[in-house]
Every structure is written in C-alpha cells, then in structure tokens.
PDB file of all heavy atoms in Angstrom:
ATOM      1  N   GLY A   1      52.848  24.253 129.945  1.00  0.00           N
ATOM      2  CA  GLY A   1      52.466  25.515 129.320  1.00  0.00           C
ATOM      3  C   GLY A   1      51.147  26.040 129.855  1.00  0.00           C
ATOM      4  O   GLY A   1      50.992  27.237 130.080  1.00  0.00           O
ATOM      5  N   GLY A   2      50.196  25.145 130.075  1.00  0.00           N
ATOM      6  CA  GLY A   2      48.913  25.553 130.636  1.00  0.00           C
ATOM      7  C   GLY A   2      49.047  26.093 132.047  1.00  0.00           C
ATOM      8  O   GLY A   2      48.390  27.064 132.424  1.00  0.00           O
ATOM      9  N   LEU A   3      49.917  25.464 132.827  1.00  0.00           N
ATOM     10  CA  LEU A   3      50.144  25.933 134.194  1.00  0.00           C
ATOM     11  C   LEU A   3      50.857  27.282 134.202  1.00  0.00           C
ATOM     12  O   LEU A   3      50.566  28.139 135.032  1.00  0.00           O
ATOM     13  CB  LEU A   3      50.932  24.886 134.985  1.00  0.00           C
ATOM     14  CG  LEU A   3      50.169  23.574 135.231  1.00  0.00           C
ATOM     15  CD1 LEU A   3      51.107  22.492 135.721  1.00  0.00           C
ATOM     16  CD2 LEU A   3      49.027  23.789 136.201  1.00  0.00           C
ATOM     17  N   LEU A   4      51.775  27.471 133.273  1.00  0.00           N
ATOM     18  CA  LEU A   4      52.429  28.780 133.138  1.00  0.00           C
ATOM     19  C   LEU A   4      51.397  29.852 132.805  1.00  0.00           C
ATOM     20  O   LEU A   4      51.428  30.953 133.368  1.00  0.00           O
ATOM     21  CB  LEU A   4      53.505  28.743 132.053  1.00  0.00           C
ATOM     22  CG  LEU A   4      54.789  28.011 132.389  1.00  0.00           C
ATOM     23  CD1 LEU A   4      55.629  27.817 131.135  1.00  0.00           C
ATOM     24  CD2 LEU A   4      55.580  28.766 133.450  1.00  0.00           C
ATOM     25  N   ALA A   5      50.478  29.511 131.913  1.00  0.00           N
ATOM     26  CA  ALA A   5      49.434  30.464 131.517  1.00  0.00           C
ATOM     27  C   ALA A   5      48.500  30.798 132.674  1.00  0.00           C
ATOM     28  O   ALA A   5      47.892  31.866 132.684  1.00  0.00           O
ATOM     29  CB  ALA A   5      48.629  29.901 130.341  1.00  0.00           C
ATOM     30  N   GLN A   6      48.407  29.901 133.655  1.00  0.00           N
ATOM     31  CA  GLN A   6      47.574  30.148 134.828  1.00  0.00           C
ATOM     32  C   GLN A   6      48.305  30.936 135.902  1.00  0.00           C
ATOM     33  O   GLN A   6      47.747  31.221 136.953  1.00  0.00           O
ATOM     34  CB  GLN A   6      47.089  28.819 135.413  1.00  0.00           C
ATOM     35  CG  GLN A   6      46.134  28.087 134.505  1.00  0.00           C
ATOM     36  CD  GLN A   6      45.735  26.732 135.072  1.00  0.00           C
ATOM     37  OE1 GLN A   6      45.446  26.616 136.262  1.00  0.00           O
ATOM     38  NE2 GLN A   6      45.738  25.722 134.231  1.00  0.00           N
ATOM     39  N   GLY A   7      49.570  31.285 135.635  1.00  0.00           N
ATOM     40  CA  GLY A   7      50.296  32.153 136.549  1.00  0.00           C
ATOM     41  C   GLY A   7      51.327  31.485 137.428  1.00  0.00           C
ATOM     42  O   GLY A   7      51.935  32.154 138.272  1.00  0.00           O
ATOM     43  N   LEU A   8      51.556  30.189 137.283  1.00  0.00           N
ATOM     44  CA  LEU A   8      52.587  29.550 138.081  1.00  0.00           C
ATOM     45  C   LEU A   8      53.967  29.981 137.600  1.00  0.00           C
ATOM     46  O   LEU A   8      54.166  30.240 136.408  1.00  0.00           O
ATOM     47  CB  LEU A   8      52.483  28.024 137.992  1.00  0.00           C
ATOM     48  CG  LEU A   8      51.665  27.340 139.081  1.00  0.00           C
ATOM     49  CD1 LEU A   8      50.203  27.665 138.947  1.00  0.00           C
ATOM     50  CD2 LEU A   8      51.904  25.857 139.060  1.00  0.00           C
ATOM     51  N   ALA A   9      54.901  30.053 138.520  1.00  0.00           N
ATOM     52  CA  ALA A   9      56.289  30.339 138.170  1.00  0.00           C
ATOM     53  C   ALA A   9      56.839  29.148 137.379  1.00  0.00           C
ATOM     54  O   ALA A   9      56.358  28.019 137.537  1.00  0.00           O
ATOM     55  CB  ALA A   9      57.107  30.569 139.434  1.00  0.00           C
ATOM     56  N   PRO A  10      57.833  29.374 136.520  1.00  0.00           N
ATOM     57  CA  PRO A  10      58.327  28.290 135.659  1.00  0.00           C
ATOM     58  C   PRO A  10      58.725  27.010 136.398  1.00  0.00           C
ATOM     59  O   PRO A  10      58.345  25.913 135.980  1.00  0.00           O
ATOM     60  CB  PRO A  10      59.525  28.920 134.948  1.00  0.00           C
ATOM     61  CG  PRO A  10      59.176  30.373 134.889  1.00  0.00           C
ATOM     62  CD  PRO A  10      58.463  30.650 136.193  1.00  0.00           C
ATOM     63  N   PHE A  11      59.467  27.116 137.484  1.00  0.00           N
ATOM     64  CA  PHE A  11      59.902  25.911 138.180  1.00  0.00           C
ATOM     65  C   PHE A  11      58.715  25.167 138.791  1.00  0.00           C
ATOM     66  O   PHE A  11      58.614  23.940 138.697  1.00  0.00           O
ATOM     67  CB  PHE A  11      60.936  26.245 139.262  1.00  0.00           C
ATOM     68  CG  PHE A  11      61.506  25.030 139.937  1.00  0.00           C
ATOM     69  CD1 PHE A  11      62.412  24.215 139.265  1.00  0.00           C
ATOM     70  CD2 PHE A  11      61.132  24.697 141.222  1.00  0.00           C
ATOM     71  CE1 PHE A  11      62.940  23.082 139.874  1.00  0.00           C
ATOM     72  CE2 PHE A  11      61.654  23.561 141.842  1.00  0.00           C
ATOM     73  CZ  PHE A  11      62.559  22.759 141.163  1.00  0.00           C
ATOM     74  N   GLU A  12      57.789  25.896 139.408  1.00  0.00           N
ATOM     75  CA  GLU A  12      56.611  25.271 139.995  1.00  0.00           C
ATOM     76  C   GLU A  12      55.712  24.664 138.914  1.00  0.00           C
ATOM     77  O   GLU A  12      55.125  23.603 139.105  1.00  0.00           O
ATOM     78  CB  GLU A  12      55.828  26.263 140.852  1.00  0.00           C
ATOM     79  CG  GLU A  12      56.477  26.581 142.177  1.00  0.00           C
ATOM     80  CD  GLU A  12      57.644  27.557 142.086  1.00  0.00           C
ATOM     81  OE1 GLU A  12      57.763  28.271 141.063  1.00  0.00           O
ATOM     82  OE2 GLU A  12      58.448  27.590 143.026  1.00  0.00           O
ATOM     83  N   ALA A  13      55.609  25.335 137.776  1.00  0.00           N
ATOM     84  CA  ALA A  13      54.820  24.794 136.673  1.00  0.00           C
ATOM     85  C   ALA A  13      55.428  23.493 136.167  1.00  0.00           C
ATOM     86  O   ALA A  13      54.706  22.534 135.868  1.00  0.00           O
ATOM     87  CB  ALA A  13      54.724  25.818 135.540  1.00  0.00           C
ATOM     88  N   ALA A  14      56.753  23.441 136.091  1.00  0.00           N
ATOM     89  CA  ALA A  14      57.420  22.214 135.653  1.00  0.00           C
ATOM     90  C   ALA A  14      57.187  21.093 136.651  1.00  0.00           C
ATOM     91  O   ALA A  14      56.856  19.963 136.262  1.00  0.00           O
ATOM     92  CB  ALA A  14      58.909  22.461 135.471  1.00  0.00           C
ATOM     93  N   GLN A  15      57.328  21.377 137.937  1.00  0.00           N
ATOM     94  CA  GLN A  15      57.100  20.357 138.960  1.00  0.00           C
ATOM     95  C   GLN A  15      55.662  19.846 138.911  1.00  0.00           C
ATOM     96  O   GLN A  15      55.423  18.638 138.918  1.00  0.00           O
ATOM     97  CB  GLN A  15      57.366  20.922 140.354  1.00  0.00           C
ATOM     98  CG  GLN A  15      58.821  21.110 140.677  1.00  0.00           C
ATOM     99  CD  GLN A  15      58.995  21.676 142.071  1.00  0.00           C
ATOM    100  OE1 GLN A  15      58.322  22.627 142.454  1.00  0.00           O
ATOM    101  NE2 GLN A  15      59.908  21.089 142.826  1.00  0.00           N
ATOM    102  N   ALA A  16      54.723  20.757 138.881  1.00  0.00           N
ATOM    103  CA  ALA A  16      53.311  20.364 138.870  1.00  0.00           C
ATOM    104  C   ALA A  16      52.959  19.627 137.583  1.00  0.00           C
ATOM    105  O   ALA A  16      52.205  18.651 137.601  1.00  0.00           O
ATOM    106  CB  ALA A  16      52.421  21.593 139.043  1.00  0.00           C
ATOM    107  N   GLY A  17      53.501  20.084 136.465  1.00  0.00           N
ATOM    108  CA  GLY A  17      53.229  19.436 135.185  1.00  0.00           C
ATOM    109  C   GLY A  17      53.722  18.002 135.151  1.00  0.00           C
ATOM    110  O   GLY A  17      53.018  17.101 134.669  1.00  0.00           O
ATOM    111  N   VAL A  18      54.908  17.772 135.665  1.00  0.00           N
ATOM    112  CA  VAL A  18      55.446  16.414 135.706  1.00  0.00           C
ATOM    113  C   VAL A  18      54.599  15.539 136.627  1.00  0.00           C
ATOM    114  O   VAL A  18      54.283  14.393 136.305  1.00  0.00           O
ATOM    115  CB  VAL A  18      56.925  16.426 136.156  1.00  0.00           C
ATOM    116  CG1 VAL A  18      57.428  15.041 136.478  1.00  0.00           C
ATOM    117  CG2 VAL A  18      57.789  17.068 135.074  1.00  0.00           C
ATOM    118  N   PHE A  19      54.205  16.079 137.768  1.00  0.00           N
ATOM    119  CA  PHE A  19      53.368  15.344 138.706  1.00  0.00           C
ATOM    120  C   PHE A  19      52.028  14.978 138.065  1.00  0.00           C
ATOM    121  O   PHE A  19      51.596  13.827 138.116  1.00  0.00           O
ATOM    122  CB  PHE A  19      53.171  16.180 139.969  1.00  0.00           C
ATOM    123  CG  PHE A  19      52.344  15.524 141.028  1.00  0.00           C
ATOM    124  CD1 PHE A  19      52.803  14.423 141.714  1.00  0.00           C
ATOM    125  CD2 PHE A  19      51.097  16.029 141.352  1.00  0.00           C
ATOM    126  CE1 PHE A  19      52.045  13.814 142.705  1.00  0.00           C
ATOM    127  CE2 PHE A  19      50.332  15.442 142.340  1.00  0.00           C
ATOM    128  CZ  PHE A  19      50.804  14.325 143.016  1.00  0.00           C
ATOM    129  N   LEU A  20      51.372  15.963 137.451  1.00  0.00           N
ATOM    130  CA  LEU A  20      50.079  15.716 136.805  1.00  0.00           C
ATOM    131  C   LEU A  20      50.206  14.710 135.665  1.00  0.00           C
ATOM    132  O   LEU A  20      49.348  13.846 135.479  1.00  0.00           O
ATOM    133  CB  LEU A  20      49.484  17.023 136.290  1.00  0.00           C
ATOM    134  CG  LEU A  20      49.044  18.018 137.356  1.00  0.00           C
ATOM    135  CD1 LEU A  20      48.698  19.359 136.713  1.00  0.00           C
ATOM    136  CD2 LEU A  20      47.869  17.483 138.148  1.00  0.00           C
ATOM    137  N   HIS A  21      51.272  14.814 134.903  1.00  0.00           N
ATOM    138  CA  HIS A  21      51.512  13.898 133.790  1.00  0.00           C
ATOM    139  C   HIS A  21      51.647  12.465 134.308  1.00  0.00           C
ATOM    140  O   HIS A  21      51.087  11.520 133.731  1.00  0.00           O
ATOM    141  CB  HIS A  21      52.780  14.329 133.047  1.00  0.00           C
ATOM    142  CG  HIS A  21      53.018  13.593 131.780  1.00  0.00           C
ATOM    143  ND1 HIS A  21      53.782  12.457 131.722  1.00  0.00           N
ATOM    144  CD2 HIS A  21      52.590  13.839 130.532  1.00  0.00           C
ATOM    145  CE1 HIS A  21      53.820  12.025 130.476  1.00  0.00           C
ATOM    146  NE2 HIS A  21      53.096  12.842 129.741  1.00  0.00           N
ATOM    147  N   GLY A  22      52.359  12.296 135.412  1.00  0.00           N
ATOM    148  CA  GLY A  22      52.499  10.971 136.005  1.00  0.00           C
ATOM    149  C   GLY A  22      51.178  10.413 136.498  1.00  0.00           C
ATOM    150  O   GLY A  22      50.871   9.226 136.303  1.00  0.00           O
ATOM    151  N   LEU A  23      50.383  11.262 137.157  1.00  0.00           N
ATOM    152  CA  LEU A  23      49.068  10.820 137.616  1.00  0.00           C
ATOM    153  C   LEU A  23      48.164  10.443 136.446  1.00  0.00           C
ATOM    154  O   LEU A  23      47.411   9.470 136.520  1.00  0.00           O
ATOM    155  CB  LEU A  23      48.405  11.909 138.457  1.00  0.00           C
ATOM    156  CG  LEU A  23      49.030  12.189 139.820  1.00  0.00           C
ATOM    157  CD1 LEU A  23      48.312  13.360 140.486  1.00  0.00           C
ATOM    158  CD2 LEU A  23      48.989  10.962 140.695  1.00  0.00           C
ATOM    159  N   ALA A  24      48.246  11.205 135.365  1.00  0.00           N
ATOM    160  CA  ALA A  24      47.441  10.893 134.181  1.00  0.00           C
ATOM    161  C   ALA A  24      47.861   9.541 133.604  1.00  0.00           C
ATOM    162  O   ALA A  24      47.012   8.754 133.175  1.00  0.00           O
ATOM    163  CB  ALA A  24      47.583  11.996 133.138  1.00  0.00           C
ATOM    164  N   GLY A  25      49.157   9.269 133.594  1.00  0.00           N
ATOM    165  CA  GLY A  25      49.637   7.971 133.118  1.00  0.00           C
ATOM    166  C   GLY A  25      49.132   6.828 133.980  1.00  0.00           C
ATOM    167  O   GLY A  25      48.737   5.776 133.473  1.00  0.00           O
ATOM    168  N   GLU A  26      49.137   7.028 135.300  1.00  0.00           N
ATOM    169  CA  GLU A  26      48.619   6.000 136.194  1.00  0.00           C
ATOM    170  C   GLU A  26      47.120   5.792 135.989  1.00  0.00           C
ATOM    171  O   GLU A  26      46.635   4.663 136.020  1.00  0.00           O
ATOM    172  CB  GLU A  26      48.906   6.365 137.646  1.00  0.00           C
ATOM    173  CG  GLU A  26      50.356   6.188 138.021  1.00  0.00           C
ATOM    174  CD  GLU A  26      50.596   6.378 139.509  1.00  0.00           C
ATOM    175  OE1 GLU A  26      49.613   6.429 140.287  1.00  0.00           O
ATOM    176  OE2 GLU A  26      51.762   6.474 139.883  1.00  0.00           O
ATOM    177  N   ALA A  27      46.386   6.870 135.787  1.00  0.00           N
ATOM    178  CA  ALA A  27      44.943   6.761 135.558  1.00  0.00           C
ATOM    179  C   ALA A  27      44.660   6.016 134.255  1.00  0.00           C
ATOM    180  O   ALA A  27      43.769   5.168 134.194  1.00  0.00           O
ATOM    181  CB  ALA A  27      44.300   8.144 135.541  1.00  0.00           C
ATOM    182  N   PHE A  28      45.429   6.324 133.217  1.00  0.00           N
ATOM    183  CA  PHE A  28      45.265   5.639 131.935  1.00  0.00           C
ATOM    184  C   PHE A  28      45.514   4.146 132.100  1.00  0.00           C
ATOM    185  O   PHE A  28      44.732   3.316 131.641  1.00  0.00           O
ATOM    186  CB  PHE A  28      46.229   6.212 130.895  1.00  0.00           C
ATOM    187  CG  PHE A  28      46.107   5.555 129.549  1.00  0.00           C
ATOM    188  CD1 PHE A  28      45.287   6.093 128.580  1.00  0.00           C
ATOM    189  CD2 PHE A  28      46.807   4.398 129.254  1.00  0.00           C
ATOM    190  CE1 PHE A  28      45.165   5.491 127.341  1.00  0.00           C
ATOM    191  CE2 PHE A  28      46.694   3.778 128.022  1.00  0.00           C
ATOM    192  CZ  PHE A  28      45.869   4.330 127.060  1.00  0.00           C
ATOM    193  N   ARG A  29      46.617   3.812 132.769  1.00  0.00           N
ATOM    194  CA  ARG A  29      46.981   2.403 132.952  1.00  0.00           C
ATOM    195  C   ARG A  29      45.890   1.653 133.726  1.00  0.00           C
ATOM    196  O   ARG A  29      45.536   0.532 133.384  1.00  0.00           O
ATOM    197  CB  ARG A  29      48.305   2.286 133.686  1.00  0.00           C
ATOM    198  CG  ARG A  29      48.743   0.850 133.899  1.00  0.00           C
ATOM    199  CD  ARG A  29      50.009   0.797 134.661  1.00  0.00           C
ATOM    200  NE  ARG A  29      49.888   1.683 135.813  1.00  0.00           N
ATOM    201  CZ  ARG A  29      50.378   1.424 136.998  1.00  0.00           C
ATOM    202  NH1 ARG A  29      51.036   0.334 137.211  1.00  0.00           N
ATOM    203  NH2 ARG A  29      50.232   2.274 137.984  1.00  0.00           N
ATOM    204  N   ALA A  30      45.351   2.286 134.770  1.00  0.00           N
ATOM    205  CA  ALA A  30      44.310   1.636 135.560  1.00  0.00           C
ATOM    206  C   ALA A  30      43.044   1.388 134.742  1.00  0.00           C
ATOM    207  O   ALA A  30      42.355   0.392 134.937  1.00  0.00           O
ATOM    208  CB  ALA A  30      43.978   2.490 136.786  1.00  0.00           C
ATOM    209  N   GLU A  31      42.757   2.291 133.818  1.00  0.00           N
ATOM    210  CA  GLU A  31      41.522   2.183 133.032  1.00  0.00           C
ATOM    211  C   GLU A  31      41.692   1.331 131.779  1.00  0.00           C
ATOM    212  O   GLU A  31      40.820   0.561 131.423  1.00  0.00           O
ATOM    213  CB  GLU A  31      41.056   3.584 132.640  1.00  0.00           C
ATOM    214  CG  GLU A  31      39.713   3.604 131.955  1.00  0.00           C
ATOM    215  CD  GLU A  31      39.250   5.016 131.671  1.00  0.00           C
ATOM    216  OE1 GLU A  31      39.114   5.788 132.640  1.00  0.00           O
ATOM    217  OE2 GLU A  31      39.047   5.343 130.493  1.00  0.00           O
ATOM    218  N   ARG A  32      42.841   1.465 131.090  1.00  0.00           N
ATOM    219  CA  ARG A  32      42.991   0.850 129.771  1.00  0.00           C
ATOM    220  C   ARG A  32      44.151  -0.134 129.649  1.00  0.00           C
ATOM    221  O   ARG A  32      44.340  -0.722 128.594  1.00  0.00           O
ATOM    222  CB  ARG A  32      43.180   1.941 128.723  1.00  0.00           C
ATOM    223  CG  ARG A  32      42.027   2.903 128.641  1.00  0.00           C
ATOM    224  CD  ARG A  32      42.229   3.848 127.501  1.00  0.00           C
ATOM    225  NE  ARG A  32      41.322   4.971 127.573  1.00  0.00           N
ATOM    226  CZ  ARG A  32      41.320   5.957 126.697  1.00  0.00           C
ATOM    227  NH1 ARG A  32      42.175   5.965 125.704  1.00  0.00           N
ATOM    228  NH2 ARG A  32      40.474   6.941 126.826  1.00  0.00           N
ATOM    229  N   GLY A  33      44.971  -0.253 130.686  1.00  0.00           N
ATOM    230  CA  GLY A  33      46.121  -1.144 130.598  1.00  0.00           C
ATOM    231  C   GLY A  33      47.379  -0.405 130.183  1.00  0.00           C
ATOM    232  O   GLY A  33      47.366   0.808 129.961  1.00  0.00           O
ATOM    233  N   GLU A  34      48.470  -1.151 130.086  1.00  0.00           N
ATOM    234  CA  GLU A  34      49.776  -0.526 129.846  1.00  0.00           C
ATOM    235  C   GLU A  34      50.122  -0.338 128.379  1.00  0.00           C
ATOM    236  O   GLU A  34      51.014   0.424 128.056  1.00  0.00           O
ATOM    237  CB  GLU A  34      50.863  -1.349 130.531  1.00  0.00           C
ATOM    238  CG  GLU A  34      50.732  -1.323 132.031  1.00  0.00           C
ATOM    239  CD  GLU A  34      51.870  -2.035 132.725  1.00  0.00           C
ATOM    240  OE1 GLU A  34      52.877  -2.357 132.072  1.00  0.00           O
ATOM    241  OE2 GLU A  34      51.741  -2.258 133.928  1.00  0.00           O
ATOM    242  N   ALA A  35      49.476  -1.041 127.485  1.00  0.00           N
ATOM    243  CA  ALA A  35      49.856  -0.995 126.072  1.00  0.00           C
ATOM    244  C   ALA A  35      49.028   0.031 125.310  1.00  0.00           C
ATOM    245  O   ALA A  35      47.869   0.281 125.623  1.00  0.00           O
ATOM    246  CB  ALA A  35      49.674  -2.369 125.438  1.00  0.00           C
ATOM    247  N   GLY A  36      49.638   0.634 124.311  1.00  0.00           N
ATOM    248  CA  GLY A  36      48.920   1.473 123.374  1.00  0.00           C
ATOM    249  C   GLY A  36      48.675   2.905 123.793  1.00  0.00           C
ATOM    250  O   GLY A  36      47.795   3.549 123.248  1.00  0.00           O
ATOM    251  N   LEU A  37      49.438   3.412 124.704  1.00  0.00           N
ATOM    252  CA  LEU A  37      49.240   4.786 125.171  1.00  0.00           C
ATOM    253  C   LEU A  37      49.847   5.788 124.196  1.00  0.00           C
ATOM    254  O   LEU A  37      51.000   5.662 123.795  1.00  0.00           O
ATOM    255  CB  LEU A  37      49.880   4.971 126.550  1.00  0.00           C
ATOM    256  CG  LEU A  37      49.973   6.401 127.076  1.00  0.00           C
ATOM    257  CD1 LEU A  37      48.581   6.962 127.311  1.00  0.00           C
ATOM    258  CD2 LEU A  37      50.780   6.441 128.359  1.00  0.00           C
ATOM    259  N   LEU A  38      49.063   6.770 123.827  1.00  0.00           N
ATOM    260  CA  LEU A  38      49.554   7.921 123.069  1.00  0.00           C
ATOM    261  C   LEU A  38      49.619   9.100 124.024  1.00  0.00           C
ATOM    262  O   LEU A  38      48.720   9.293 124.850  1.00  0.00           O
ATOM    263  CB  LEU A  38      48.618   8.261 121.911  1.00  0.00           C
ATOM    264  CG  LEU A  38      48.431   7.192 120.847  1.00  0.00           C
ATOM    265  CD1 LEU A  38      47.366   7.628 119.843  1.00  0.00           C
ATOM    266  CD2 LEU A  38      49.739   6.911 120.144  1.00  0.00           C
ATOM    267  N   ALA A  39      50.669   9.880 123.933  1.00  0.00           N
ATOM    268  CA  ALA A  39      50.825  11.013 124.845  1.00  0.00           C
ATOM    269  C   ALA A  39      49.616  11.944 124.805  1.00  0.00           C
ATOM    270  O   ALA A  39      49.199  12.476 125.835  1.00  0.00           O
ATOM    271  CB  ALA A  39      52.100  11.779 124.510  1.00  0.00           C
ATOM    272  N   SER A  40      49.022  12.114 123.644  1.00  0.00           N
ATOM    273  CA  SER A  40      47.875  13.010 123.524  1.00  0.00           C
ATOM    274  C   SER A  40      46.666  12.515 124.309  1.00  0.00           C
ATOM    275  O   SER A  40      45.786  13.304 124.665  1.00  0.00           O
ATOM    276  CB  SER A  40      47.501  13.189 122.053  1.00  0.00           C
ATOM    277  OG  SER A  40      47.159  11.945 121.470  1.00  0.00           O
TER     278      SER A  40
END
C-alpha cells in the first residue's frame, strides 16, 4: 500500500513489496533469531 501511494503501478508495487518483506524477514532473523516474529 505504501508503494502504491508512492506511485508504483499495482503489479510493480506487489513485486517490490514482497521483495522488501522478505528482506525485512531476513534482517529480523539475523538480528533476533527465527522465533517470536510478529508481522508488525
């Protein structure tokens, strides 16, 4: 939704959002481990 608000087309926003979400998950795991992750 944030990427859509920045002007990305829906498909590109979905692709970028999924990519960013995955990178955020990897960053969380590297810093805090695999257990206890909340999406927020």
